[in-house]
Every structure is written in C-alpha cells, then in structure tokens.
Amino acid sequence: MAGVHDIHLAQAAIMIRDQERAKSFYRDKLGLRHLLDAPPALSFFNAARHG
C-alpha cells in the first residue's frame, strides 16, 4: 500500500490515574511483558515484536 510504512516504537509515555489498572490492561489485555516499576509511579513494558 503506497504511503504506508512500518514503524517501530521505542518509547511512549502515557499519563494514567490508576497505575495498577493500567498495568493490568497493558499486561493482560495487550499482552505486553511487564519489565519493572520505578518510583514514583512508572511502569515499563516490552513492546518489541516477538517472533
């Protein structure tokens, strides 16, 4: 398809109100691997392609 390109996500920052709910969504619904949490309220996930 002309004009459509693959992109690779390196980082994204999304402000949320409920960290535990957001972690559950990204881990359980989207299937991203949770890497770590850091203070004050940061969570890191692996969004790399698998396979």
PDB file of N, CA and C in Angstrom:
ATOM      1  N   MET A   1       0.840  -1.163   0.000  1.00  0.00           N
ATOM      2  CA  MET A   1       0.000   0.000   0.000  1.00  0.00           C
ATOM      3  C   MET A   1       0.891   1.234   0.000  1.00  0.00           C
ATOM      4  N   ALA A   2       0.739   2.099  -0.947  1.00  0.00           N
ATOM      5  CA  ALA A   2       1.567   3.294  -1.072  1.00  0.00           C
ATOM      6  C   ALA A   2       1.346   4.230   0.110  1.00  0.00           C
ATOM      7  N   GLY A   3       2.431   4.773   0.627  1.00  0.00           N
ATOM      8  CA  GLY A   3       2.355   5.732   1.717  1.00  0.00           C
ATOM      9  C   GLY A   3       2.241   5.118   3.106  1.00  0.00           C
ATOM     10  N   VAL A   4       2.220   3.792   3.196  1.00  0.00           N
ATOM     11  CA  VAL A   4       2.139   3.137   4.495  1.00  0.00           C
ATOM     12  C   VAL A   4       3.496   2.532   4.805  1.00  0.00           C
ATOM     13  N   HIS A   5       3.984   2.809   5.996  1.00  0.00           N
ATOM     14  CA  HIS A   5       5.309   2.331   6.387  1.00  0.00           C
ATOM     15  C   HIS A   5       5.231   1.659   7.747  1.00  0.00           C
ATOM     16  N   ASP A   6       6.081   0.663   7.958  1.00  0.00           N
ATOM     17  CA  ASP A   6       6.220   0.077   9.286  1.00  0.00           C
ATOM     18  C   ASP A   6       6.922   1.077  10.185  1.00  0.00           C
ATOM     19  N   ILE A   7       6.490   1.173  11.418  1.00  0.00           N
ATOM     20  CA  ILE A   7       7.195   1.982  12.402  1.00  0.00           C
ATOM     21  C   ILE A   7       7.547   1.093  13.575  1.00  0.00           C
ATOM     22  N   HIS A   8       8.542   1.475  14.306  1.00  0.00           N
ATOM     23  CA  HIS A   8       8.985   0.723  15.470  1.00  0.00           C
ATOM     24  C   HIS A   8       8.938   1.649  16.672  1.00  0.00           C
ATOM     25  N   LEU A   9       8.168   1.273  17.657  1.00  0.00           N
ATOM     26  CA  LEU A   9       8.004   2.070  18.859  1.00  0.00           C
ATOM     27  C   LEU A   9       9.194   1.865  19.771  1.00  0.00           C
ATOM     28  N   ALA A  10       9.842   2.966  20.145  1.00  0.00           N
ATOM     29  CA  ALA A  10      10.965   2.884  21.066  1.00  0.00           C
ATOM     30  C   ALA A  10      10.513   3.210  22.482  1.00  0.00           C
ATOM     31  N   GLN A  11       9.776   4.297  22.637  1.00  0.00           N
ATOM     32  CA  GLN A  11       9.280   4.691  23.950  1.00  0.00           C
ATOM     33  C   GLN A  11       7.961   5.407  23.794  1.00  0.00           C
ATOM     34  N   ALA A  12       7.130   5.289  24.812  1.00  0.00           N
ATOM     35  CA  ALA A  12       5.886   6.035  24.878  1.00  0.00           C
ATOM     36  C   ALA A  12       5.613   6.355  26.334  1.00  0.00           C
ATOM     37  N   ALA A  13       5.160   7.549  26.593  1.00  0.00           N
ATOM     38  CA  ALA A  13       4.785   7.949  27.949  1.00  0.00           C
ATOM     39  C   ALA A  13       3.301   8.287  27.924  1.00  0.00           C
ATOM     40  N   ILE A  14       2.558   7.646  28.785  1.00  0.00           N
ATOM     41  CA  ILE A  14       1.112   7.848  28.844  1.00  0.00           C
ATOM     42  C   ILE A  14       0.745   8.142  30.289  1.00  0.00           C
ATOM     43  N   MET A  15       0.130   9.296  30.527  1.00  0.00           N
ATOM     44  CA  MET A  15      -0.299   9.640  31.883  1.00  0.00           C
ATOM     45  C   MET A  15      -1.577   8.871  32.203  1.00  0.00           C
ATOM     46  N   ILE A  16      -1.594   8.287  33.380  1.00  0.00           N
ATOM     47  CA  ILE A  16      -2.749   7.494  33.816  1.00  0.00           C
ATOM     48  C   ILE A  16      -3.122   7.910  35.244  1.00  0.00           C
ATOM     49  N   ARG A  17      -4.326   7.516  35.669  1.00  0.00           N
ATOM     50  CA  ARG A  17      -4.771   7.819  37.037  1.00  0.00           C
ATOM     51  C   ARG A  17      -4.631   6.625  37.964  1.00  0.00           C
ATOM     52  N   ASP A  18      -4.762   5.435  37.428  1.00  0.00           N
ATOM     53  CA  ASP A  18      -4.741   4.220  38.242  1.00  0.00           C
ATOM     54  C   ASP A  18      -3.657   3.294  37.691  1.00  0.00           C
ATOM     55  N   GLN A  19      -2.502   3.293  38.338  1.00  0.00           N
ATOM     56  CA  GLN A  19      -1.355   2.530  37.829  1.00  0.00           C
ATOM     57  C   GLN A  19      -1.631   1.033  37.788  1.00  0.00           C
ATOM     58  N   GLU A  20      -2.239   0.485  38.810  1.00  0.00           N
ATOM     59  CA  GLU A  20      -2.490  -0.959  38.827  1.00  0.00           C
ATOM     60  C   GLU A  20      -3.461  -1.369  37.718  1.00  0.00           C
ATOM     61  N   ARG A  21      -4.475  -0.563  37.487  1.00  0.00           N
ATOM     62  CA  ARG A  21      -5.434  -0.860  36.409  1.00  0.00           C
ATOM     63  C   ARG A  21      -4.758  -0.767  35.044  1.00  0.00           C
ATOM     64  N   ALA A  22      -3.922   0.249  34.859  1.00  0.00           N
ATOM     65  CA  ALA A  22      -3.201   0.410  33.593  1.00  0.00           C
ATOM     66  C   ALA A  22      -2.236  -0.754  33.369  1.00  0.00           C
ATOM     67  N   LYS A  23      -1.524  -1.157  34.424  1.00  0.00           N
ATOM     68  CA  LYS A  23      -0.600  -2.285  34.293  1.00  0.00           C
ATOM     69  C   LYS A  23      -1.348  -3.547  33.888  1.00  0.00           C
ATOM     70  N   SER A  24      -2.476  -3.767  34.501  1.00  0.00           N
ATOM     71  CA  SER A  24      -3.287  -4.938  34.165  1.00  0.00           C
ATOM     72  C   SER A  24      -3.712  -4.901  32.703  1.00  0.00           C
ATOM     73  N   PHE A  25      -4.128  -3.735  32.224  1.00  0.00           N
ATOM     74  CA  PHE A  25      -4.556  -3.597  30.835  1.00  0.00           C
ATOM     75  C   PHE A  25      -3.410  -3.910  29.867  1.00  0.00           C
ATOM     76  N   TYR A  26      -2.269  -3.267  30.042  1.00  0.00           N
ATOM     77  CA  TYR A  26      -1.157  -3.463  29.107  1.00  0.00           C
ATOM     78  C   TYR A  26      -0.588  -4.877  29.172  1.00  0.00           C
ATOM     79  N   ARG A  27      -0.550  -5.456  30.358  1.00  0.00           N
ATOM     80  CA  ARG A  27      -0.021  -6.809  30.529  1.00  0.00           C
ATOM     81  C   ARG A  27      -1.034  -7.864  30.095  1.00  0.00           C
ATOM     82  N   ASP A  28      -2.252  -7.797  30.636  1.00  0.00           N
ATOM     83  CA  ASP A  28      -3.224  -8.876  30.453  1.00  0.00           C
ATOM     84  C   ASP A  28      -4.045  -8.759  29.171  1.00  0.00           C
ATOM     85  N   LYS A  29      -4.404  -7.564  28.782  1.00  0.00           N
ATOM     86  CA  LYS A  29      -5.237  -7.373  27.580  1.00  0.00           C
ATOM     87  C   LYS A  29      -4.402  -7.229  26.316  1.00  0.00           C
ATOM     88  N   LEU A  30      -3.312  -6.458  26.389  1.00  0.00           N
ATOM     89  CA  LEU A  30      -2.481  -6.249  25.196  1.00  0.00           C
ATOM     90  C   LEU A  30      -1.338  -7.250  25.085  1.00  0.00           C
ATOM     91  N   GLY A  31      -1.040  -7.948  26.170  1.00  0.00           N
ATOM     92  CA  GLY A  31      -0.008  -8.975  26.130  1.00  0.00           C
ATOM     93  C   GLY A  31       1.422  -8.469  26.178  1.00  0.00           C
ATOM     94  N   LEU A  32       1.619  -7.229  26.649  1.00  0.00           N
ATOM     95  CA  LEU A  32       2.975  -6.706  26.758  1.00  0.00           C
ATOM     96  C   LEU A  32       3.630  -7.269  28.016  1.00  0.00           C
ATOM     97  N   ARG A  33       4.911  -7.564  27.901  1.00  0.00           N
ATOM     98  CA  ARG A  33       5.650  -8.111  29.042  1.00  0.00           C
ATOM     99  C   ARG A  33       6.050  -6.979  29.975  1.00  0.00           C
ATOM    100  N   HIS A  34       5.630  -7.066  31.236  1.00  0.00           N
ATOM    101  CA  HIS A  34       5.973  -6.055  32.241  1.00  0.00           C
ATOM    102  C   HIS A  34       7.428  -6.229  32.622  1.00  0.00           C
ATOM    103  N   LEU A  35       8.189  -5.146  32.554  1.00  0.00           N
ATOM    104  CA  LEU A  35       9.611  -5.211  32.870  1.00  0.00           C
ATOM    105  C   LEU A  35       9.900  -4.809  34.310  1.00  0.00           C
ATOM    106  N   LEU A  36       9.407  -3.631  34.712  1.00  0.00           N
ATOM    107  CA  LEU A  36       9.691  -3.165  36.064  1.00  0.00           C
ATOM    108  C   LEU A  36       8.845  -1.958  36.401  1.00  0.00           C
ATOM    109  N   ASP A  37       8.779  -1.666  37.692  1.00  0.00           N
ATOM    110  CA  ASP A  37       8.172  -0.449  38.205  1.00  0.00           C
ATOM    111  C   ASP A  37       9.273   0.383  38.839  1.00  0.00           C
ATOM    112  N   ALA A  38       9.115   1.702  38.800  1.00  0.00           N
ATOM    113  CA  ALA A  38      10.083   2.608  39.417  1.00  0.00           C
ATOM    114  C   ALA A  38       9.322   3.774  40.050  1.00  0.00           C
ATOM    115  N   PRO A  39       9.848   4.287  41.150  1.00  0.00           N
ATOM    116  CA  PRO A  39       9.177   5.410  41.801  1.00  0.00           C
ATOM    117  C   PRO A  39       9.242   6.661  40.922  1.00  0.00           C
ATOM    118  N   PRO A  40       8.305   7.568  41.006  1.00  0.00           N
ATOM    119  CA  PRO A  40       7.188   7.497  41.933  1.00  0.00           C
ATOM    120  C   PRO A  40       6.036   6.635  41.414  1.00  0.00           C
ATOM    121  N   ALA A  41       5.797   6.584  40.126  1.00  0.00           N
ATOM    122  CA  ALA A  41       4.678   5.783  39.590  1.00  0.00           C
ATOM    123  C   ALA A  41       4.927   5.462  38.123  1.00  0.00           C
ATOM    124  N   LEU A  42       6.068   4.840  37.848  1.00  0.00           N
ATOM    125  CA  LEU A  42       6.427   4.480  36.477  1.00  0.00           C
ATOM    126  C   LEU A  42       6.363   2.969  36.313  1.00  0.00           C
ATOM    127  N   SER A  43       5.852   2.534  35.181  1.00  0.00           N
ATOM    128  CA  SER A  43       5.856   1.111  34.835  1.00  0.00           C
ATOM    129  C   SER A  43       6.410   0.974  33.432  1.00  0.00           C
ATOM    130  N   PHE A  44       7.264   0.001  33.232  1.00  0.00           N
ATOM    131  CA  PHE A  44       7.902  -0.210  31.938  1.00  0.00           C
ATOM    132  C   PHE A  44       7.473  -1.560  31.379  1.00  0.00           C
ATOM    133  N   PHE A  45       7.177  -1.568  30.068  1.00  0.00           N
ATOM    134  CA  PHE A  45       6.737  -2.773  29.377  1.00  0.00           C
ATOM    135  C   PHE A  45       7.569  -2.956  28.117  1.00  0.00           C
ATOM    136  N   ASN A  46       7.750  -4.209  27.714  1.00  0.00           N
ATOM    137  CA  ASN A  46       8.429  -4.515  26.466  1.00  0.00           C
ATOM    138  C   ASN A  46       7.391  -4.521  25.355  1.00  0.00           C
ATOM    139  N   ALA A  47       7.545  -3.605  24.388  1.00  0.00           N
ATOM    140  CA  ALA A  47       6.602  -3.518  23.273  1.00  0.00           C
ATOM    141  C   ALA A  47       7.230  -4.018  21.976  1.00  0.00           C
ATOM    142  N   ALA A  48       8.368  -4.705  22.073  1.00  0.00           N
ATOM    143  CA  ALA A  48       9.055  -5.207  20.882  1.00  0.00           C
ATOM    144  C   ALA A  48       8.269  -6.350  20.270  1.00  0.00           C
ATOM    145  N   ARG A  49       8.428  -6.505  18.971  1.00  0.00           N
ATOM    146  CA  ARG A  49       7.795  -7.646  18.282  1.00  0.00           C
ATOM    147  C   ARG A  49       8.414  -8.925  18.761  1.00  0.00           C
ATOM    148  N   HIS A  50       7.586  -9.935  18.854  1.00  0.00           N
ATOM    149  CA  HIS A  50       8.059 -11.267  19.260  1.00  0.00           C
ATOM    150  C   HIS A  50       7.949 -12.194  18.067  1.00  0.00           C
ATOM    151  N   GLY A  51       9.018 -12.938  17.823  1.00  0.00           N
ATOM    152  CA  GLY A  51       8.977 -13.912  16.729  1.00  0.00           C
ATOM    153  C   GLY A  51       9.470 -13.382  15.527  1.00  0.00           C
TER     154      GLY A  51
END
